[in-house]
PDB file of N, CA and C in Angstrom:
ATOM      1  N   MET A   1      -8.935  -3.052  -7.746  1.00  0.00           N
ATOM      2  CA  MET A   1      -7.859  -2.455  -6.982  1.00  0.00           C
ATOM      3  C   MET A   1      -6.679  -3.725  -6.340  1.00  0.00           C
ATOM      4  N   GLY A   2      -7.013  -4.987  -6.332  1.00  0.00           N
ATOM      5  CA  GLY A   2      -6.245  -5.783  -6.030  1.00  0.00           C
ATOM      6  C   GLY A   2      -5.409  -6.197  -6.816  1.00  0.00           C
ATOM      7  N   GLU A   3      -5.530  -6.450  -8.051  1.00  0.00           N
ATOM      8  CA  GLU A   3      -4.569  -6.620  -9.294  1.00  0.00           C
ATOM      9  C   GLU A   3      -3.560  -5.206  -9.300  1.00  0.00           C
ATOM     10  N   ARG A   4      -3.980  -4.082  -9.181  1.00  0.00           N
ATOM     11  CA  ARG A   4      -2.839  -2.844  -8.914  1.00  0.00           C
ATOM     12  C   ARG A   4      -1.912  -3.105  -7.809  1.00  0.00           C
ATOM     13  N   LEU A   5      -2.335  -3.650  -6.497  1.00  0.00           N
ATOM     14  CA  LEU A   5      -1.338  -3.934  -5.528  1.00  0.00           C
ATOM     15  C   LEU A   5      -0.210  -4.729  -5.445  1.00  0.00           C
ATOM     16  N   VAL A   6      -1.194  -6.083  -6.259  1.00  0.00           N
ATOM     17  CA  VAL A   6      -0.014  -7.598  -6.623  1.00  0.00           C
ATOM     18  C   VAL A   6       1.097  -6.485  -7.907  1.00  0.00           C
ATOM     19  N   GLU A   7       0.417  -5.922  -8.692  1.00  0.00           N
ATOM     20  CA  GLU A   7       1.252  -5.671  -9.843  1.00  0.00           C
ATOM     21  C   GLU A   7       2.602  -5.078  -9.500  1.00  0.00           C
ATOM     22  N   ALA A   8       2.507  -3.815  -8.473  1.00  0.00           N
ATOM     23  CA  ALA A   8       3.121  -3.235  -7.453  1.00  0.00           C
ATOM     24  C   ALA A   8       4.145  -3.642  -6.989  1.00  0.00           C
ATOM     25  N   LYS A   9       3.628  -4.892  -5.678  1.00  0.00           N
ATOM     26  CA  LYS A   9       4.451  -6.014  -5.363  1.00  0.00           C
ATOM     27  C   LYS A   9       5.499  -6.178  -6.359  1.00  0.00           C
ATOM     28  N   GLN A  10       5.171  -7.002  -7.433  1.00  0.00           N
ATOM     29  CA  GLN A  10       5.785  -7.780  -8.234  1.00  0.00           C
ATOM     30  C   GLN A  10       6.422  -6.454  -8.630  1.00  0.00           C
ATOM     31  N   GLU A  11       6.462  -5.876  -9.299  1.00  0.00           N
ATOM     32  CA  GLU A  11       7.197  -4.564 -10.015  1.00  0.00           C
ATOM     33  C   GLU A  11       8.454  -3.979  -8.810  1.00  0.00           C
ATOM     34  N   ASP A  12       7.968  -4.472  -7.551  1.00  0.00           N
ATOM     35  CA  ASP A  12       8.791  -3.566  -6.274  1.00  0.00           C
ATOM     36  C   ASP A  12       8.629  -2.071  -6.493  1.00  0.00           C
ATOM     37  N   SER A  13       7.526  -1.371  -7.105  1.00  0.00           N
ATOM     38  CA  SER A  13       7.577  -0.124  -7.622  1.00  0.00           C
ATOM     39  C   SER A  13       6.992   0.698  -6.359  1.00  0.00           C
ATOM     40  N   THR A  14       6.717   1.970  -6.098  1.00  0.00           N
ATOM     41  CA  THR A  14       6.786   2.887  -5.080  1.00  0.00           C
ATOM     42  C   THR A  14       5.337   3.058  -5.444  1.00  0.00           C
ATOM     43  N   VAL A  15       4.344   2.857  -4.284  1.00  0.00           N
ATOM     44  CA  VAL A  15       3.076   3.243  -4.677  1.00  0.00           C
ATOM     45  C   VAL A  15       2.874   4.502  -3.440  1.00  0.00           C
ATOM     46  N   VAL A  16       1.218   5.398  -3.883  1.00  0.00           N
ATOM     47  CA  VAL A  16       1.041   6.447  -2.930  1.00  0.00           C
ATOM     48  C   VAL A  16      -0.644   5.596  -2.763  1.00  0.00           C
ATOM     49  N   LEU A  17      -0.933   5.460  -1.423  1.00  0.00           N
ATOM     50  CA  LEU A  17      -2.193   4.808  -0.810  1.00  0.00           C
ATOM     51  C   LEU A  17      -2.914   5.821  -0.435  1.00  0.00           C
ATOM     52  N   THR A  18      -4.223   6.105  -0.550  1.00  0.00           N
ATOM     53  CA  THR A  18      -5.219   6.650   0.291  1.00  0.00           C
ATOM     54  C   THR A  18      -6.028   5.846   0.933  1.00  0.00           C
ATOM     55  N   ILE A  19      -5.773   6.441   2.351  1.00  0.00           N
ATOM     56  CA  ILE A  19      -6.245   5.101   3.689  1.00  0.00           C
ATOM     57  C   ILE A  19      -7.102   5.906   3.811  1.00  0.00           C
ATOM     58  N   TRP A  20      -8.661   5.159   4.511  1.00  0.00           N
ATOM     59  CA  TRP A  20      -9.748   5.365   5.294  1.00  0.00           C
ATOM     60  C   TRP A  20      -9.132   5.941   6.125  1.00  0.00           C
ATOM     61  N   ASP A  21      -9.846   7.103   6.778  1.00  0.00           N
ATOM     62  CA  ASP A  21      -9.836   7.550   8.167  1.00  0.00           C
ATOM     63  C   ASP A  21      -8.330   8.300   7.984  1.00  0.00           C
ATOM     64  N   GLU A  22      -7.407   8.456   7.371  1.00  0.00           N
ATOM     65  CA  GLU A  22      -6.179   8.584   7.382  1.00  0.00           C
ATOM     66  C   GLU A  22      -5.893  10.196   7.000  1.00  0.00           C
ATOM     67  N   PRO A  23      -5.565  11.241   7.604  1.00  0.00           N
ATOM     68  CA  PRO A  23      -5.106  12.207   7.188  1.00  0.00           C
ATOM     69  C   PRO A  23      -4.373  12.641   5.702  1.00  0.00           C
ATOM     70  N   GLU A  24      -3.314  11.781   5.720  1.00  0.00           N
ATOM     71  CA  GLU A  24      -2.556  11.682   4.681  1.00  0.00           C
ATOM     72  C   GLU A  24      -2.129  10.619   4.152  1.00  0.00           C
ATOM     73  N   PRO A  25      -1.741  10.586   2.448  1.00  0.00           N
ATOM     74  CA  PRO A  25      -1.915   9.196   1.875  1.00  0.00           C
ATOM     75  C   PRO A  25      -0.384   8.685   2.535  1.00  0.00           C
ATOM     76  N   VAL A  26      -0.633   7.480   2.250  1.00  0.00           N
ATOM     77  CA  VAL A  26       0.999   6.659   2.764  1.00  0.00           C
ATOM     78  C   VAL A  26       1.680   5.976   1.555  1.00  0.00           C
ATOM     79  N   ARG A  27       3.010   6.629   1.355  1.00  0.00           N
ATOM     80  CA  ARG A  27       3.753   6.329   0.257  1.00  0.00           C
ATOM     81  C   ARG A  27       4.976   5.583   0.773  1.00  0.00           C
ATOM     82  N   GLY A  28       5.163   4.049  -0.241  1.00  0.00           N
ATOM     83  CA  GLY A  28       6.061   3.272  -0.144  1.00  0.00           C
ATOM     84  C   GLY A  28       5.661   2.268  -0.938  1.00  0.00           C
ATOM     85  N   ARG A  29       6.766   1.047  -0.679  1.00  0.00           N
ATOM     86  CA  ARG A  29       6.949   0.110  -1.274  1.00  0.00           C
ATOM     87  C   ARG A  29       6.145  -1.030  -0.473  1.00  0.00           C
ATOM     88  N   ILE A  30       4.999  -2.079  -1.407  1.00  0.00           N
ATOM     89  CA  ILE A  30       4.291  -3.030  -0.846  1.00  0.00           C
ATOM     90  C   ILE A  30       5.810  -3.989  -0.637  1.00  0.00           C
ATOM     91  N   VAL A  31       5.801  -4.715   0.753  1.00  0.00           N
ATOM     92  CA  VAL A  31       6.450  -5.532   0.715  1.00  0.00           C
ATOM     93  C   VAL A  31       5.626  -7.413   1.329  1.00  0.00           C
ATOM     94  N   LYS A  32       4.407  -6.851   1.509  1.00  0.00           N
ATOM     95  CA  LYS A  32       3.608  -8.332   1.792  1.00  0.00           C
ATOM     96  C   LYS A  32       2.715  -8.340   1.307  1.00  0.00           C
ATOM     97  N   LEU A  33       2.000  -8.988   0.862  1.00  0.00           N
ATOM     98  CA  LEU A  33      -0.024  -8.887   0.967  1.00  0.00           C
ATOM     99  C   LEU A  33      -0.390 -10.272   1.885  1.00  0.00           C
ATOM    100  N   ASP A  34      -0.749  -9.969   2.828  1.00  0.00           N
ATOM    101  CA  ASP A  34      -0.852 -11.198   3.735  1.00  0.00           C
ATOM    102  C   ASP A  34      -2.458 -11.528   3.410  1.00  0.00           C
ATOM    103  N   ALA A  35      -2.942 -12.787   3.087  1.00  0.00           N
ATOM    104  CA  ALA A  35      -4.037 -12.957   2.737  1.00  0.00           C
ATOM    105  C   ALA A  35      -4.627 -13.409   3.808  1.00  0.00           C
ATOM    106  N   ARG A  36      -4.161 -14.077   5.062  1.00  0.00           N
ATOM    107  CA  ARG A  36      -4.542 -14.786   6.384  1.00  0.00           C
ATOM    108  C   ARG A  36      -5.094 -13.470   7.058  1.00  0.00           C
ATOM    109  N   THR A  37      -4.425 -12.336   7.141  1.00  0.00           N
ATOM    110  CA  THR A  37      -5.099 -11.203   7.988  1.00  0.00           C
ATOM    111  C   THR A  37      -5.776 -10.368   6.978  1.00  0.00           C
ATOM    112  N   ARG A  38      -5.263 -10.397   5.911  1.00  0.00           N
ATOM    113  CA  ARG A  38      -5.936  -9.294   5.315  1.00  0.00           C
ATOM    114  C   ARG A  38      -5.072  -7.677   5.042  1.00  0.00           C
ATOM    115  N   LEU A  39      -4.073  -8.110   5.514  1.00  0.00           N
ATOM    116  CA  LEU A  39      -2.730  -6.467   5.367  1.00  0.00           C
ATOM    117  C   LEU A  39      -1.689  -6.755   4.578  1.00  0.00           C
ATOM    118  N   VAL A  40      -2.023  -5.281   4.098  1.00  0.00           N
ATOM    119  CA  VAL A  40      -0.867  -4.868   3.243  1.00  0.00           C
ATOM    120  C   VAL A  40       0.262  -4.634   3.823  1.00  0.00           C
ATOM    121  N   HIS A  41       1.650  -4.719   3.700  1.00  0.00           N
ATOM    122  CA  HIS A  41       2.453  -4.315   4.353  1.00  0.00           C
ATOM    123  C   HIS A  41       3.357  -3.413   3.569  1.00  0.00           C
ATOM    124  N   VAL A  42       3.520  -2.208   4.013  1.00  0.00           N
ATOM    125  CA  VAL A  42       3.935  -1.145   3.203  1.00  0.00           C
ATOM    126  C   VAL A  42       5.184  -0.580   3.933  1.00  0.00           C
ATOM    127  N   GLN A  43       6.772  -0.805   3.269  1.00  0.00           N
ATOM    128  CA  GLN A  43       7.745   0.199   4.053  1.00  0.00           C
ATOM    129  C   GLN A  43       7.926   1.449   3.579  1.00  0.00           C
ATOM    130  N   THR A  44       7.797   2.336   4.564  1.00  0.00           N
ATOM    131  CA  THR A  44       7.527   3.523   3.829  1.00  0.00           C
ATOM    132  C   THR A  44       9.404   4.211   4.353  1.00  0.00           C
ATOM    133  N   LEU A  45       9.357   5.474   4.242  1.00  0.00           N
ATOM    134  CA  LEU A  45      10.668   5.722   4.756  1.00  0.00           C
ATOM    135  C   LEU A  45      10.778   5.908   6.229  1.00  0.00           C
ATOM    136  N   GLU A  46      10.095   5.839   7.314  1.00  0.00           N
ATOM    137  CA  GLU A  46      10.112   6.326   8.467  1.00  0.00           C
ATOM    138  C   GLU A  46       9.901   4.547   9.364  1.00  0.00           C
ATOM    139  N   LYS A  47       8.781   3.770   8.949  1.00  0.00           N
ATOM    140  CA  LYS A  47       8.492   2.759   9.293  1.00  0.00           C
ATOM    141  C   LYS A  47       7.727   1.455   8.205  1.00  0.00           C
ATOM    142  N   LEU A  48       7.289   0.215   8.906  1.00  0.00           N
ATOM    143  CA  LEU A  48       6.560  -0.587   7.762  1.00  0.00           C
ATOM    144  C   LEU A  48       5.069  -0.606   8.500  1.00  0.00           C
ATOM    145  N   ALA A  49       4.726  -0.172   7.628  1.00  0.00           N
ATOM    146  CA  ALA A  49       3.161  -0.016   7.424  1.00  0.00           C
ATOM    147  C   ALA A  49       2.022  -1.119   7.647  1.00  0.00           C
ATOM    148  N   LYS A  50       1.316  -1.789   8.566  1.00  0.00           N
ATOM    149  CA  LYS A  50       0.621  -2.736   8.231  1.00  0.00           C
ATOM    150  C   LYS A  50      -1.100  -2.033   7.476  1.00  0.00           C
ATOM    151  N   LEU A  51      -1.551  -2.197   6.810  1.00  0.00           N
ATOM    152  CA  LEU A  51      -2.855  -1.578   6.309  1.00  0.00           C
ATOM    153  C   LEU A  51      -3.576  -2.794   5.946  1.00  0.00           C
ATOM    154  N   PRO A  52      -4.860  -2.098   6.982  1.00  0.00           N
ATOM    155  CA  PRO A  52      -5.763  -3.341   6.419  1.00  0.00           C
ATOM    156  C   PRO A  52      -6.155  -2.924   4.943  1.00  0.00           C
ATOM    157  N   PHE A  53      -6.712  -3.959   4.152  1.00  0.00           N
ATOM    158  CA  PHE A  53      -6.918  -4.223   2.637  1.00  0.00           C
ATOM    159  C   PHE A  53      -8.253  -3.525   2.838  1.00  0.00           C
ATOM    160  N   LEU A  54      -9.157  -3.689   3.492  1.00  0.00           N
ATOM    161  CA  LEU A  54     -10.227  -3.047   2.902  1.00  0.00           C
ATOM    162  C   LEU A  54     -10.328  -1.249   3.486  1.00  0.00           C
ATOM    163  N   ASP A  55      -9.417  -1.016   4.240  1.00  0.00           N
ATOM    164  CA  ASP A  55      -9.484   0.421   4.459  1.00  0.00           C
ATOM    165  C   ASP A  55      -8.969   1.587   3.091  1.00  0.00           C
ATOM    166  N   ILE A  56      -7.800   0.968   2.263  1.00  0.00           N
ATOM    167  CA  ILE A  56      -7.063   1.119   1.135  1.00  0.00           C
ATOM    168  C   ILE A  56      -8.376   1.950   0.015  1.00  0.00           C
ATOM    169  N   MET A  57      -8.514   2.777  -0.020  1.00  0.00           N
ATOM    170  CA  MET A  57      -9.683   3.814  -0.982  1.00  0.00           C
ATOM    171  C   MET A  57      -8.708   4.197  -2.427  1.00  0.00           C
ATOM    172  N   ARG A  58      -7.533   4.146  -2.805  1.00  0.00           N
ATOM    173  CA  ARG A  58      -7.066   4.378  -4.025  1.00  0.00           C
ATOM    174  C   ARG A  58      -6.085   4.012  -4.326  1.00  0.00           C
ATOM    175  N   VAL A  59      -5.090   3.769  -5.189  1.00  0.00           N
ATOM    176  CA  VAL A  59      -3.835   3.342  -5.049  1.00  0.00           C
ATOM    177  C   VAL A  59      -3.166   4.149  -6.317  1.00  0.00           C
ATOM    178  N   ASP A  60      -2.418   4.776  -5.991  1.00  0.00           N
ATOM    179  CA  ASP A  60      -1.541   5.863  -7.085  1.00  0.00           C
ATOM    180  C   ASP A  60      -0.356   5.428  -7.259  1.00  0.00           C
ATOM    181  N   ASN A  61       0.294   6.295  -8.625  1.00  0.00           N
ATOM    182  CA  ASN A  61       1.937   6.247  -8.446  1.00  0.00           C
ATOM    183  C   ASN A  61       2.061   7.664  -8.319  1.00  0.00           C
ATOM    184  N   PRO A  62       3.370   7.791  -7.547  1.00  0.00           N
ATOM    185  CA  PRO A  62       4.101   8.837  -7.397  1.00  0.00           C
ATOM    186  C   PRO A  62       3.936   9.742  -8.226  1.00  0.00           C
ATOM    187  N   ARG A  63       3.794  11.029  -7.848  1.00  0.00           N
ATOM    188  CA  ARG A  63       4.120  12.261  -9.115  1.00  0.00           C
ATOM    189  C   ARG A  63       5.431  12.919  -9.730  1.00  0.00           C
ATOM    190  N   ASP A  64       6.493  12.303  -9.050  1.00  0.00           N
ATOM    191  CA  ASP A  64       7.763  12.829  -9.027  1.00  0.00           C
ATOM    192  C   ASP A  64       8.827  11.408  -9.410  1.00  0.00           C
TER     193      ASP A  64
END
């Protein structure tokens, strides 16, 4: 999964992340992978989400 996150960041592509204990997936672009805090920074349409790496259960490409 880590490789897919790095690849999506390098390609500046949109991803859909399934997050533990979140009702809806998070869709956006990965803008930073912070190794020190273990957070993945994802820019969505509304905000910058900082998600714990260990809470990411699945990485998908958008269907549209």
